[in-house]
């Protein structure tokens, strides 16, 4: 059994290292937390930092940015910025209650879509989101271009289905609240995961 320091995993990752590390605040109705988000380098995907525990992936979740900063600092790393960006999931959940009548909050929906994809990949739970096809690509392009008002009914249904599944994933994904910083061993306490 090889002992690895979490700092080494943060530094090298499993795919040629990771990009910059950020604290990212998610404010939702069912769950709110600060998570660690890793920007991919080059063609590498962005990801939410997750830990392996008993064959399952769990997301370290913090109440404050300071707690996340201390956790990262104990691993010998720094956050790329001192503040956290905030995903206002509550705004998106409000829109989901009546997407036909309510105006789409395009920035929040775009950020939410991206976050849920990163989260699903990090947890190896892509199957929990609808399989994306041409209708999703078209809806995403319009959303990215600020043209969500031009969504067809089929595109809107696809976005609502995807975001609803993402909210369910976020609210039900396993978390470790305020994890301690320790040296972990493969198969014992859990191995930090960087895709």
N, C-alpha and C. Protein backbone atom coordinates (compact mmCIF):
# COMPACT_ATOMS: atom_id res chain seq x y z
N UNK A 1 0.84 -1.17 0.00
CA UNK A 1 0.00 0.00 0.00
C UNK A 1 0.89 1.25 0.00
N UNK A 2 0.76 2.06 -1.02
CA UNK A 2 1.59 3.26 -1.14
C UNK A 2 0.92 4.43 -0.44
N UNK A 3 1.68 5.13 0.36
CA UNK A 3 1.15 6.33 1.01
C UNK A 3 1.45 7.52 0.14
N UNK A 4 0.42 8.32 -0.10
CA UNK A 4 0.60 9.51 -0.92
C UNK A 4 0.11 10.71 -0.15
N UNK A 5 0.82 11.78 -0.28
CA UNK A 5 0.32 13.01 0.33
C UNK A 5 -0.64 13.66 -0.64
N UNK A 6 -1.69 14.22 -0.10
CA UNK A 6 -2.70 14.86 -0.95
C UNK A 6 -2.07 15.99 -1.75
N UNK A 7 -1.06 16.63 -1.21
CA UNK A 7 -0.40 17.71 -1.94
C UNK A 7 0.17 17.20 -3.25
N UNK A 8 0.71 15.97 -3.23
CA UNK A 8 1.25 15.39 -4.46
C UNK A 8 0.15 15.15 -5.48
N UNK A 9 -1.00 14.70 -5.03
CA UNK A 9 -2.10 14.48 -5.95
C UNK A 9 -2.59 15.80 -6.51
N UNK A 10 -2.70 16.82 -5.64
CA UNK A 10 -3.07 18.14 -6.13
C UNK A 10 -2.08 18.61 -7.18
N UNK A 11 -0.79 18.40 -6.93
CA UNK A 11 0.25 18.92 -7.81
C UNK A 11 0.30 18.19 -9.14
N UNK A 12 0.14 16.88 -9.13
CA UNK A 12 0.35 16.13 -10.36
C UNK A 12 -0.94 15.65 -11.00
N UNK A 13 -1.95 15.37 -10.24
CA UNK A 13 -3.19 14.89 -10.80
C UNK A 13 -3.00 13.57 -11.50
N UNK A 14 -4.04 13.10 -12.15
CA UNK A 14 -3.95 11.86 -12.88
C UNK A 14 -3.78 12.10 -14.38
N UNK A 15 -3.93 13.32 -14.78
CA UNK A 15 -3.78 13.65 -16.20
C UNK A 15 -2.89 14.85 -16.35
N UNK A 16 -1.62 14.65 -16.38
CA UNK A 16 -0.66 15.72 -16.61
C UNK A 16 -0.91 16.94 -15.72
N UNK A 17 -1.32 16.69 -14.51
CA UNK A 17 -1.54 17.81 -13.59
C UNK A 17 -2.90 18.43 -13.80
N UNK A 18 -3.23 19.35 -12.99
CA UNK A 18 -4.48 20.05 -13.13
C UNK A 18 -4.18 21.50 -13.40
N UNK A 19 -5.20 22.22 -13.70
CA UNK A 19 -5.03 23.64 -13.89
C UNK A 19 -5.12 24.35 -12.56
N UNK A 20 -5.52 25.57 -12.60
CA UNK A 20 -5.65 26.37 -11.39
C UNK A 20 -6.79 25.85 -10.53
N UNK A 21 -6.64 26.03 -9.23
CA UNK A 21 -7.60 25.55 -8.25
C UNK A 21 -8.39 26.75 -7.71
N UNK A 22 -9.71 26.61 -7.67
CA UNK A 22 -10.58 27.70 -7.25
C UNK A 22 -11.58 27.21 -6.21
N UNK A 23 -11.97 28.10 -5.32
CA UNK A 23 -13.13 27.85 -4.46
C UNK A 23 -14.34 28.33 -5.26
N UNK A 24 -15.40 27.53 -5.25
CA UNK A 24 -16.58 27.84 -6.05
C UNK A 24 -17.81 27.64 -5.16
N UNK A 25 -18.54 28.73 -4.92
CA UNK A 25 -19.70 28.68 -4.05
C UNK A 25 -20.94 28.35 -4.90
N UNK A 26 -21.69 27.34 -4.45
CA UNK A 26 -22.93 26.96 -5.12
C UNK A 26 -24.06 27.24 -4.13
N UNK A 27 -24.97 28.13 -4.52
CA UNK A 27 -26.12 28.48 -3.67
C UNK A 27 -27.38 27.90 -4.28
N UNK A 28 -27.86 26.84 -3.65
CA UNK A 28 -29.08 26.20 -4.13
C UNK A 28 -30.10 26.08 -3.02
N UNK A 29 -31.29 25.66 -3.37
CA UNK A 29 -32.35 25.50 -2.36
C UNK A 29 -32.11 24.26 -1.50
N UNK A 30 -31.77 23.16 -2.14
CA UNK A 30 -31.58 21.92 -1.40
C UNK A 30 -30.22 21.81 -0.75
N UNK A 31 -29.21 22.38 -1.37
CA UNK A 31 -27.85 22.29 -0.86
C UNK A 31 -27.07 23.51 -1.32
N UNK A 32 -26.34 24.07 -0.39
CA UNK A 32 -25.41 25.15 -0.69
C UNK A 32 -24.07 24.77 -0.08
N UNK A 33 -22.98 25.06 -0.79
CA UNK A 33 -21.65 24.71 -0.29
C UNK A 33 -20.60 25.40 -1.13
N UNK A 34 -19.40 25.44 -0.59
CA UNK A 34 -18.23 25.85 -1.35
C UNK A 34 -17.50 24.57 -1.73
N UNK A 35 -17.22 24.40 -3.01
CA UNK A 35 -16.49 23.23 -3.50
C UNK A 35 -15.19 23.70 -4.14
N UNK A 36 -14.33 22.77 -4.44
CA UNK A 36 -13.09 23.09 -5.14
C UNK A 36 -13.27 22.74 -6.61
N UNK A 37 -12.92 23.67 -7.45
CA UNK A 37 -13.06 23.50 -8.90
C UNK A 37 -11.68 23.65 -9.52
N UNK A 38 -11.38 22.78 -10.44
CA UNK A 38 -10.06 22.77 -11.09
C UNK A 38 -10.24 23.08 -12.57
N UNK A 39 -9.63 24.17 -13.00
CA UNK A 39 -9.67 24.54 -14.41
C UNK A 39 -8.71 23.64 -15.18
N UNK A 40 -9.17 23.06 -16.26
CA UNK A 40 -8.33 22.18 -17.08
C UNK A 40 -7.29 22.97 -17.84
N UNK A 41 -6.15 22.35 -18.04
CA UNK A 41 -5.10 22.97 -18.86
C UNK A 41 -5.27 22.52 -20.29
N UNK A 42 -5.15 23.47 -21.21
CA UNK A 42 -5.24 23.12 -22.62
C UNK A 42 -6.56 22.44 -22.94
N UNK A 43 -6.48 21.21 -23.46
CA UNK A 43 -7.68 20.46 -23.84
C UNK A 43 -8.26 19.63 -22.69
N UNK A 44 -7.62 19.68 -21.52
CA UNK A 44 -8.13 18.90 -20.41
C UNK A 44 -9.44 19.50 -19.92
N UNK A 45 -10.36 18.65 -19.47
CA UNK A 45 -11.65 19.17 -19.01
C UNK A 45 -11.52 19.83 -17.64
N UNK A 46 -12.42 20.78 -17.38
CA UNK A 46 -12.55 21.34 -16.04
C UNK A 46 -13.17 20.24 -15.17
N UNK A 47 -13.01 20.38 -13.86
CA UNK A 47 -13.54 19.35 -12.99
C UNK A 47 -13.82 19.89 -11.60
N UNK A 48 -14.67 19.19 -10.89
CA UNK A 48 -14.92 19.45 -9.48
C UNK A 48 -14.06 18.45 -8.73
N UNK A 49 -13.32 18.91 -7.73
CA UNK A 49 -12.45 18.04 -6.98
C UNK A 49 -13.28 17.03 -6.20
N UNK A 50 -12.94 15.74 -6.32
CA UNK A 50 -13.66 14.68 -5.63
C UNK A 50 -12.67 13.70 -5.03
N UNK A 51 -13.08 13.05 -3.96
CA UNK A 51 -12.26 12.06 -3.27
C UNK A 51 -12.89 10.68 -3.42
N UNK A 52 -12.04 9.67 -3.58
CA UNK A 52 -12.53 8.29 -3.63
C UNK A 52 -12.62 7.76 -2.20
N UNK A 53 -13.75 7.15 -1.88
CA UNK A 53 -13.94 6.55 -0.57
C UNK A 53 -14.81 5.32 -0.75
N UNK A 54 -14.27 4.16 -0.43
CA UNK A 54 -15.00 2.90 -0.55
C UNK A 54 -15.60 2.71 -1.95
N UNK A 55 -14.84 3.06 -2.97
CA UNK A 55 -15.30 2.87 -4.34
C UNK A 55 -16.31 3.89 -4.83
N UNK A 56 -16.57 4.92 -4.05
CA UNK A 56 -17.50 5.98 -4.45
C UNK A 56 -16.77 7.30 -4.40
N UNK A 57 -17.21 8.20 -5.25
CA UNK A 57 -16.62 9.54 -5.27
C UNK A 57 -17.44 10.47 -4.40
N UNK A 58 -16.74 11.30 -3.62
CA UNK A 58 -17.40 12.25 -2.75
C UNK A 58 -16.77 13.62 -2.97
N UNK A 59 -17.59 14.64 -2.86
CA UNK A 59 -17.13 16.01 -3.08
C UNK A 59 -16.87 16.66 -1.72
N UNK A 60 -15.62 17.12 -1.49
CA UNK A 60 -15.38 17.91 -0.28
C UNK A 60 -16.21 19.19 -0.36
N UNK A 61 -16.99 19.44 0.69
CA UNK A 61 -17.87 20.61 0.71
C UNK A 61 -17.56 21.43 1.95
N UNK A 62 -17.45 22.73 1.75
CA UNK A 62 -17.08 23.64 2.83
C UNK A 62 -18.19 24.66 3.03
N UNK A 63 -18.28 25.18 4.24
CA UNK A 63 -19.27 26.20 4.53
C UNK A 63 -18.76 27.56 4.07
N UNK A 64 -17.46 27.79 4.21
CA UNK A 64 -16.89 29.09 3.85
C UNK A 64 -15.70 28.92 2.91
N UNK A 65 -15.38 29.99 2.22
CA UNK A 65 -14.21 30.01 1.36
C UNK A 65 -12.95 29.86 2.20
N UNK A 66 -12.96 30.45 3.38
CA UNK A 66 -11.80 30.35 4.27
C UNK A 66 -11.50 28.89 4.61
N UNK A 67 -12.52 28.10 4.89
CA UNK A 67 -12.31 26.68 5.20
C UNK A 67 -11.71 25.96 4.00
N UNK A 68 -12.18 26.27 2.81
CA UNK A 68 -11.62 25.66 1.60
C UNK A 68 -10.17 26.09 1.43
N UNK A 69 -9.89 27.37 1.67
CA UNK A 69 -8.53 27.89 1.53
C UNK A 69 -7.57 27.19 2.50
N UNK A 70 -8.00 27.01 3.75
CA UNK A 70 -7.17 26.34 4.75
C UNK A 70 -6.92 24.89 4.33
N UNK A 71 -7.95 24.21 3.87
CA UNK A 71 -7.83 22.82 3.41
C UNK A 71 -6.78 22.72 2.29
N UNK A 72 -6.89 23.60 1.31
CA UNK A 72 -5.97 23.59 0.17
C UNK A 72 -4.56 23.94 0.63
N UNK A 73 -4.45 24.91 1.52
CA UNK A 73 -3.13 25.33 2.00
C UNK A 73 -2.44 24.21 2.76
N UNK A 74 -3.19 23.40 3.47
CA UNK A 74 -2.61 22.25 4.18
C UNK A 74 -2.12 21.18 3.21
N UNK A 75 -2.55 21.28 1.98
CA UNK A 75 -2.07 20.36 0.94
C UNK A 75 -0.86 20.94 0.21
N UNK A 76 -0.42 22.13 0.64
CA UNK A 76 0.73 22.76 0.00
C UNK A 76 0.37 23.50 -1.27
N UNK A 77 -0.90 23.81 -1.47
CA UNK A 77 -1.35 24.52 -2.66
C UNK A 77 -2.01 25.82 -2.26
N UNK A 78 -2.31 26.62 -3.26
CA UNK A 78 -3.02 27.88 -3.08
C UNK A 78 -4.17 27.94 -4.05
N UNK A 79 -5.19 28.66 -3.62
CA UNK A 79 -6.28 28.95 -4.55
C UNK A 79 -5.79 30.01 -5.53
N UNK A 80 -6.28 29.96 -6.75
CA UNK A 80 -5.86 30.91 -7.77
C UNK A 80 -6.30 32.34 -7.43
N UNK A 81 -7.41 32.48 -6.73
CA UNK A 81 -7.89 33.78 -6.30
C UNK A 81 -8.35 33.68 -4.85
N UNK A 82 -8.39 34.80 -4.15
CA UNK A 82 -8.78 34.78 -2.75
C UNK A 82 -10.29 34.69 -2.56
N UNK A 83 -11.04 35.06 -3.56
CA UNK A 83 -12.50 35.03 -3.48
C UNK A 83 -13.06 33.87 -4.30
N UNK A 84 -14.32 33.60 -4.12
CA UNK A 84 -14.98 32.53 -4.87
C UNK A 84 -16.03 33.12 -5.80
N UNK A 85 -16.09 32.57 -7.01
CA UNK A 85 -17.23 32.88 -7.87
C UNK A 85 -18.43 32.15 -7.28
N UNK A 86 -19.62 32.65 -7.59
CA UNK A 86 -20.83 32.06 -7.02
C UNK A 86 -21.77 31.63 -8.13
N UNK A 87 -22.23 30.40 -8.04
CA UNK A 87 -23.26 29.89 -8.92
C UNK A 87 -24.59 30.09 -8.20
N UNK A 88 -25.43 30.94 -8.75
CA UNK A 88 -26.74 31.22 -8.15
C UNK A 88 -27.75 30.20 -8.64
N UNK A 89 -27.64 29.00 -8.12
CA UNK A 89 -28.51 27.90 -8.52
C UNK A 89 -29.97 28.19 -8.15
N UNK A 90 -30.18 28.95 -7.09
CA UNK A 90 -31.55 29.31 -6.68
C UNK A 90 -32.29 30.01 -7.82
N UNK A 91 -31.60 30.90 -8.54
CA UNK A 91 -32.24 31.59 -9.68
C UNK A 91 -32.67 30.60 -10.75
N UNK A 92 -31.83 29.61 -10.99
CA UNK A 92 -32.15 28.60 -12.00
C UNK A 92 -33.29 27.72 -11.52
N UNK A 93 -33.29 27.36 -10.24
CA UNK A 93 -34.37 26.55 -9.69
C UNK A 93 -35.70 27.30 -9.75
N UNK A 94 -35.67 28.60 -9.52
CA UNK A 94 -36.87 29.42 -9.65
C UNK A 94 -37.40 29.37 -11.08
N UNK A 95 -36.50 29.51 -12.05
CA UNK A 95 -36.89 29.43 -13.46
C UNK A 95 -37.47 28.05 -13.78
N UNK A 96 -36.88 26.99 -13.23
CA UNK A 96 -37.36 25.63 -13.52
C UNK A 96 -38.80 25.39 -13.05
N UNK A 97 -39.25 26.16 -12.08
CA UNK A 97 -40.63 26.00 -11.59
C UNK A 97 -41.66 26.31 -12.67
N UNK A 98 -41.33 27.21 -13.58
CA UNK A 98 -42.24 27.55 -14.68
C UNK A 98 -41.43 28.10 -15.86
N UNK A 99 -40.69 27.22 -16.54
CA UNK A 99 -39.79 27.68 -17.60
C UNK A 99 -40.50 28.27 -18.82
N UNK A 100 -41.77 27.99 -18.99
CA UNK A 100 -42.50 28.54 -20.13
C UNK A 100 -42.83 30.01 -19.89
N UNK A 101 -43.20 30.35 -18.67
CA UNK A 101 -43.61 31.72 -18.37
C UNK A 101 -42.48 32.61 -17.87
N UNK A 102 -41.51 32.01 -17.22
CA UNK A 102 -40.43 32.82 -16.63
C UNK A 102 -39.30 33.02 -17.61
N UNK A 103 -38.70 34.18 -17.50
CA UNK A 103 -37.56 34.52 -18.36
C UNK A 103 -36.34 33.71 -17.93
N UNK A 104 -35.65 33.18 -18.91
CA UNK A 104 -34.44 32.39 -18.66
C UNK A 104 -33.35 33.32 -18.10
N UNK A 105 -32.73 32.95 -16.97
CA UNK A 105 -31.56 33.70 -16.52
C UNK A 105 -30.34 33.13 -17.25
N UNK A 106 -30.01 33.64 -18.44
CA UNK A 106 -29.04 32.97 -19.31
C UNK A 106 -27.67 32.74 -18.68
N UNK A 107 -27.11 33.71 -18.00
CA UNK A 107 -25.79 33.52 -17.39
C UNK A 107 -25.80 32.42 -16.35
N UNK A 108 -26.82 32.42 -15.50
CA UNK A 108 -26.92 31.41 -14.44
C UNK A 108 -27.16 30.02 -15.03
N UNK A 109 -27.98 29.92 -16.08
CA UNK A 109 -28.24 28.62 -16.70
C UNK A 109 -26.97 28.10 -17.37
N UNK A 110 -26.24 28.96 -18.05
CA UNK A 110 -24.99 28.55 -18.70
C UNK A 110 -23.98 28.05 -17.65
N UNK A 111 -23.80 28.80 -16.57
CA UNK A 111 -22.87 28.39 -15.51
C UNK A 111 -23.32 27.07 -14.88
N UNK A 112 -24.63 26.94 -14.68
CA UNK A 112 -25.18 25.72 -14.08
C UNK A 112 -24.93 24.52 -14.98
N UNK A 113 -25.20 24.67 -16.26
CA UNK A 113 -24.99 23.59 -17.22
C UNK A 113 -23.53 23.15 -17.16
N UNK A 114 -22.61 24.09 -17.24
CA UNK A 114 -21.18 23.76 -17.20
C UNK A 114 -20.80 23.08 -15.89
N UNK A 115 -21.29 23.60 -14.77
CA UNK A 115 -20.98 23.01 -13.47
C UNK A 115 -21.48 21.58 -13.38
N UNK A 116 -22.71 21.34 -13.82
CA UNK A 116 -23.26 19.99 -13.72
C UNK A 116 -22.49 19.00 -14.59
N UNK A 117 -22.03 19.43 -15.75
CA UNK A 117 -21.21 18.53 -16.58
C UNK A 117 -19.90 18.22 -15.88
N UNK A 118 -19.24 19.25 -15.31
CA UNK A 118 -17.98 19.03 -14.58
C UNK A 118 -18.20 18.11 -13.39
N UNK A 119 -19.28 18.33 -12.65
CA UNK A 119 -19.60 17.51 -11.49
C UNK A 119 -19.86 16.06 -11.89
N UNK A 120 -20.65 15.86 -12.93
CA UNK A 120 -20.98 14.50 -13.38
C UNK A 120 -19.73 13.74 -13.81
N UNK A 121 -18.84 14.41 -14.53
CA UNK A 121 -17.60 13.75 -14.96
C UNK A 121 -16.72 13.42 -13.75
N UNK A 122 -16.62 14.33 -12.81
CA UNK A 122 -15.77 14.11 -11.64
C UNK A 122 -16.26 12.96 -10.78
N UNK A 123 -17.58 12.77 -10.72
CA UNK A 123 -18.17 11.70 -9.91
C UNK A 123 -18.37 10.42 -10.70
N UNK A 124 -17.96 10.43 -11.97
CA UNK A 124 -18.24 9.32 -12.88
C UNK A 124 -19.74 9.01 -12.88
N UNK A 125 -20.53 10.07 -12.98
CA UNK A 125 -21.99 9.96 -12.94
C UNK A 125 -22.62 10.60 -14.16
N UNK A 126 -21.92 10.57 -15.28
CA UNK A 126 -22.44 11.17 -16.51
C UNK A 126 -23.78 10.55 -16.89
N UNK A 127 -23.97 9.27 -16.54
CA UNK A 127 -25.23 8.58 -16.83
C UNK A 127 -26.42 9.21 -16.11
N UNK A 128 -26.17 10.03 -15.11
CA UNK A 128 -27.26 10.68 -14.37
C UNK A 128 -27.80 11.91 -15.11
N UNK A 129 -27.07 12.37 -16.13
CA UNK A 129 -27.54 13.48 -16.96
C UNK A 129 -28.05 12.89 -18.27
N UNK A 130 -29.02 13.55 -18.90
CA UNK A 130 -29.49 13.06 -20.20
C UNK A 130 -28.35 13.04 -21.21
N UNK A 131 -28.37 12.04 -22.07
CA UNK A 131 -27.36 11.98 -23.14
C UNK A 131 -27.60 13.17 -24.06
N UNK A 132 -26.53 13.91 -24.32
CA UNK A 132 -26.67 15.13 -25.10
C UNK A 132 -26.47 14.86 -26.59
N UNK A 133 -27.28 15.52 -27.38
CA UNK A 133 -27.21 15.38 -28.81
C UNK A 133 -27.29 16.73 -29.51
N UNK A 134 -27.73 16.70 -30.74
CA UNK A 134 -27.77 17.91 -31.58
C UNK A 134 -28.67 18.99 -30.98
N UNK A 135 -29.80 18.60 -30.37
CA UNK A 135 -30.71 19.59 -29.80
C UNK A 135 -30.03 20.31 -28.63
N UNK A 136 -29.24 19.57 -27.85
CA UNK A 136 -28.51 20.20 -26.74
C UNK A 136 -27.44 21.15 -27.27
N UNK A 137 -26.74 20.70 -28.29
CA UNK A 137 -25.68 21.55 -28.88
C UNK A 137 -26.26 22.86 -29.40
N UNK A 138 -27.39 22.76 -30.06
CA UNK A 138 -28.04 23.95 -30.60
C UNK A 138 -28.51 24.87 -29.47
N UNK A 139 -29.11 24.29 -28.45
CA UNK A 139 -29.57 25.09 -27.31
C UNK A 139 -28.40 25.73 -26.59
N UNK A 140 -27.29 25.00 -26.44
CA UNK A 140 -26.11 25.54 -25.76
C UNK A 140 -25.52 26.70 -26.55
N UNK A 141 -25.42 26.54 -27.87
CA UNK A 141 -24.88 27.62 -28.71
C UNK A 141 -25.72 28.88 -28.58
N UNK A 142 -27.04 28.73 -28.59
CA UNK A 142 -27.92 29.89 -28.44
C UNK A 142 -27.76 30.50 -27.05
N UNK A 143 -27.66 29.65 -26.03
CA UNK A 143 -27.48 30.14 -24.67
C UNK A 143 -26.16 30.88 -24.54
N UNK A 144 -25.11 30.31 -25.08
CA UNK A 144 -23.77 30.92 -25.04
C UNK A 144 -23.77 32.26 -25.77
N UNK A 145 -24.53 32.34 -26.85
CA UNK A 145 -24.61 33.57 -27.64
C UNK A 145 -25.62 34.57 -27.11
N UNK A 146 -26.22 34.27 -25.96
CA UNK A 146 -27.21 35.19 -25.38
C UNK A 146 -28.54 35.18 -26.09
N UNK A 147 -28.83 34.08 -26.78
CA UNK A 147 -30.06 34.01 -27.59
C UNK A 147 -31.01 32.92 -27.09
N UNK A 148 -31.09 32.74 -25.78
CA UNK A 148 -31.97 31.69 -25.24
C UNK A 148 -33.44 31.97 -25.58
N UNK A 149 -33.79 33.20 -25.85
CA UNK A 149 -35.17 33.53 -26.25
C UNK A 149 -35.52 32.88 -27.59
N UNK A 150 -34.50 32.49 -28.35
CA UNK A 150 -34.73 31.87 -29.65
C UNK A 150 -34.78 30.34 -29.58
N UNK A 151 -34.76 29.77 -28.36
CA UNK A 151 -34.87 28.32 -28.23
C UNK A 151 -36.17 27.82 -28.83
N UNK A 152 -36.10 26.70 -29.50
CA UNK A 152 -37.31 26.02 -29.94
C UNK A 152 -37.91 25.33 -28.71
N UNK A 153 -39.17 24.94 -28.77
CA UNK A 153 -39.74 24.19 -27.63
C UNK A 153 -38.94 22.91 -27.33
N UNK A 154 -38.43 22.25 -28.35
CA UNK A 154 -37.63 21.03 -28.15
C UNK A 154 -36.32 21.36 -27.43
N UNK A 155 -35.69 22.48 -27.81
CA UNK A 155 -34.45 22.88 -27.14
C UNK A 155 -34.71 23.24 -25.68
N UNK A 156 -35.79 23.96 -25.43
CA UNK A 156 -36.10 24.33 -24.06
C UNK A 156 -36.37 23.09 -23.21
N UNK A 157 -37.13 22.13 -23.75
CA UNK A 157 -37.39 20.88 -23.01
C UNK A 157 -36.08 20.16 -22.69
N UNK A 158 -35.16 20.13 -23.66
CA UNK A 158 -33.88 19.45 -23.46
C UNK A 158 -33.07 20.13 -22.36
N UNK A 159 -33.07 21.45 -22.34
CA UNK A 159 -32.33 22.20 -21.32
C UNK A 159 -32.98 21.98 -19.95
N UNK A 160 -34.29 22.06 -19.88
CA UNK A 160 -34.99 21.86 -18.62
C UNK A 160 -34.71 20.45 -18.08
N UNK A 161 -34.74 19.45 -18.95
CA UNK A 161 -34.48 18.07 -18.53
C UNK A 161 -33.05 17.93 -18.01
N UNK A 162 -32.10 18.51 -18.72
CA UNK A 162 -30.70 18.41 -18.31
C UNK A 162 -30.45 19.13 -16.99
N UNK A 163 -30.95 20.35 -16.85
CA UNK A 163 -30.72 21.13 -15.64
C UNK A 163 -31.44 20.49 -14.45
N UNK A 164 -32.64 19.96 -14.67
CA UNK A 164 -33.37 19.28 -13.60
C UNK A 164 -32.58 18.06 -13.11
N UNK A 165 -32.04 17.28 -14.04
CA UNK A 165 -31.22 16.12 -13.66
C UNK A 165 -29.96 16.56 -12.93
N UNK A 166 -29.38 17.68 -13.36
CA UNK A 166 -28.19 18.21 -12.69
C UNK A 166 -28.47 18.65 -11.27
N UNK A 167 -29.63 19.30 -11.06
CA UNK A 167 -30.02 19.71 -9.71
C UNK A 167 -30.16 18.47 -8.82
N UNK A 168 -30.77 17.42 -9.35
CA UNK A 168 -30.92 16.17 -8.59
C UNK A 168 -29.56 15.58 -8.26
N UNK A 169 -28.63 15.61 -9.23
CA UNK A 169 -27.28 15.11 -9.00
C UNK A 169 -26.60 15.90 -7.90
N UNK A 170 -26.64 17.22 -7.98
CA UNK A 170 -26.01 18.08 -6.97
C UNK A 170 -26.61 17.83 -5.58
N UNK A 171 -27.94 17.76 -5.50
CA UNK A 171 -28.58 17.60 -4.20
C UNK A 171 -28.36 16.22 -3.58
N UNK A 172 -28.03 15.24 -4.41
CA UNK A 172 -27.89 13.88 -3.89
C UNK A 172 -26.45 13.36 -3.91
N UNK A 173 -25.52 14.09 -4.49
CA UNK A 173 -24.16 13.56 -4.58
C UNK A 173 -23.54 13.48 -3.19
N UNK A 174 -22.74 12.44 -2.95
CA UNK A 174 -22.11 12.31 -1.64
C UNK A 174 -21.09 13.42 -1.41
N UNK A 175 -21.13 13.99 -0.22
CA UNK A 175 -20.19 15.05 0.14
C UNK A 175 -19.47 14.69 1.43
N UNK A 176 -18.31 15.27 1.59
CA UNK A 176 -17.57 15.21 2.85
C UNK A 176 -17.55 16.66 3.33
N UNK A 177 -18.24 16.92 4.43
CA UNK A 177 -18.34 18.29 4.93
C UNK A 177 -17.07 18.63 5.72
N UNK A 178 -16.44 19.74 5.32
CA UNK A 178 -15.22 20.23 5.96
C UNK A 178 -14.20 19.11 6.24
N UNK A 179 -13.71 18.46 5.18
CA UNK A 179 -12.76 17.36 5.38
C UNK A 179 -11.49 17.84 6.07
N UNK A 180 -10.92 16.96 6.86
CA UNK A 180 -9.65 17.32 7.49
C UNK A 180 -8.54 17.07 6.48
N UNK A 181 -7.42 17.70 6.70
CA UNK A 181 -6.30 17.46 5.80
C UNK A 181 -5.38 16.47 6.48
N UNK A 182 -5.29 15.33 5.88
CA UNK A 182 -4.46 14.26 6.42
C UNK A 182 -3.69 13.62 5.29
N UNK A 183 -2.73 12.80 5.66
CA UNK A 183 -2.08 11.97 4.66
C UNK A 183 -2.97 10.76 4.49
N UNK A 184 -3.27 10.43 3.26
CA UNK A 184 -4.17 9.31 3.01
C UNK A 184 -3.40 8.17 2.38
N UNK A 185 -3.92 6.98 2.54
CA UNK A 185 -3.32 5.79 1.93
C UNK A 185 -4.31 5.21 0.95
N UNK A 186 -3.81 4.69 -0.16
CA UNK A 186 -4.69 4.04 -1.12
C UNK A 186 -5.49 2.98 -0.39
N UNK A 187 -6.81 3.01 -0.58
CA UNK A 187 -7.66 1.99 -0.03
C UNK A 187 -8.01 2.18 1.44
N UNK A 188 -7.42 3.13 2.14
CA UNK A 188 -7.76 3.29 3.55
C UNK A 188 -8.72 4.46 3.74
N UNK A 189 -8.22 5.67 3.73
CA UNK A 189 -9.08 6.82 3.97
C UNK A 189 -9.69 7.38 2.70
N UNK A 190 -9.18 7.00 1.57
CA UNK A 190 -9.68 7.52 0.30
C UNK A 190 -8.58 8.25 -0.42
N UNK A 191 -8.54 8.11 -1.70
CA UNK A 191 -7.53 8.75 -2.52
C UNK A 191 -8.12 9.96 -3.19
N UNK A 192 -7.50 11.13 -3.06
CA UNK A 192 -8.03 12.29 -3.75
C UNK A 192 -8.08 12.03 -5.24
N UNK A 193 -9.08 12.53 -5.85
CA UNK A 193 -9.27 12.27 -7.27
C UNK A 193 -9.15 13.54 -8.07
N UNK A 194 -8.28 13.54 -9.02
CA UNK A 194 -8.19 14.60 -10.00
C UNK A 194 -8.24 13.86 -11.32
N UNK A 195 -9.29 14.06 -12.08
CA UNK A 195 -9.43 13.33 -13.35
C UNK A 195 -8.28 13.57 -14.29
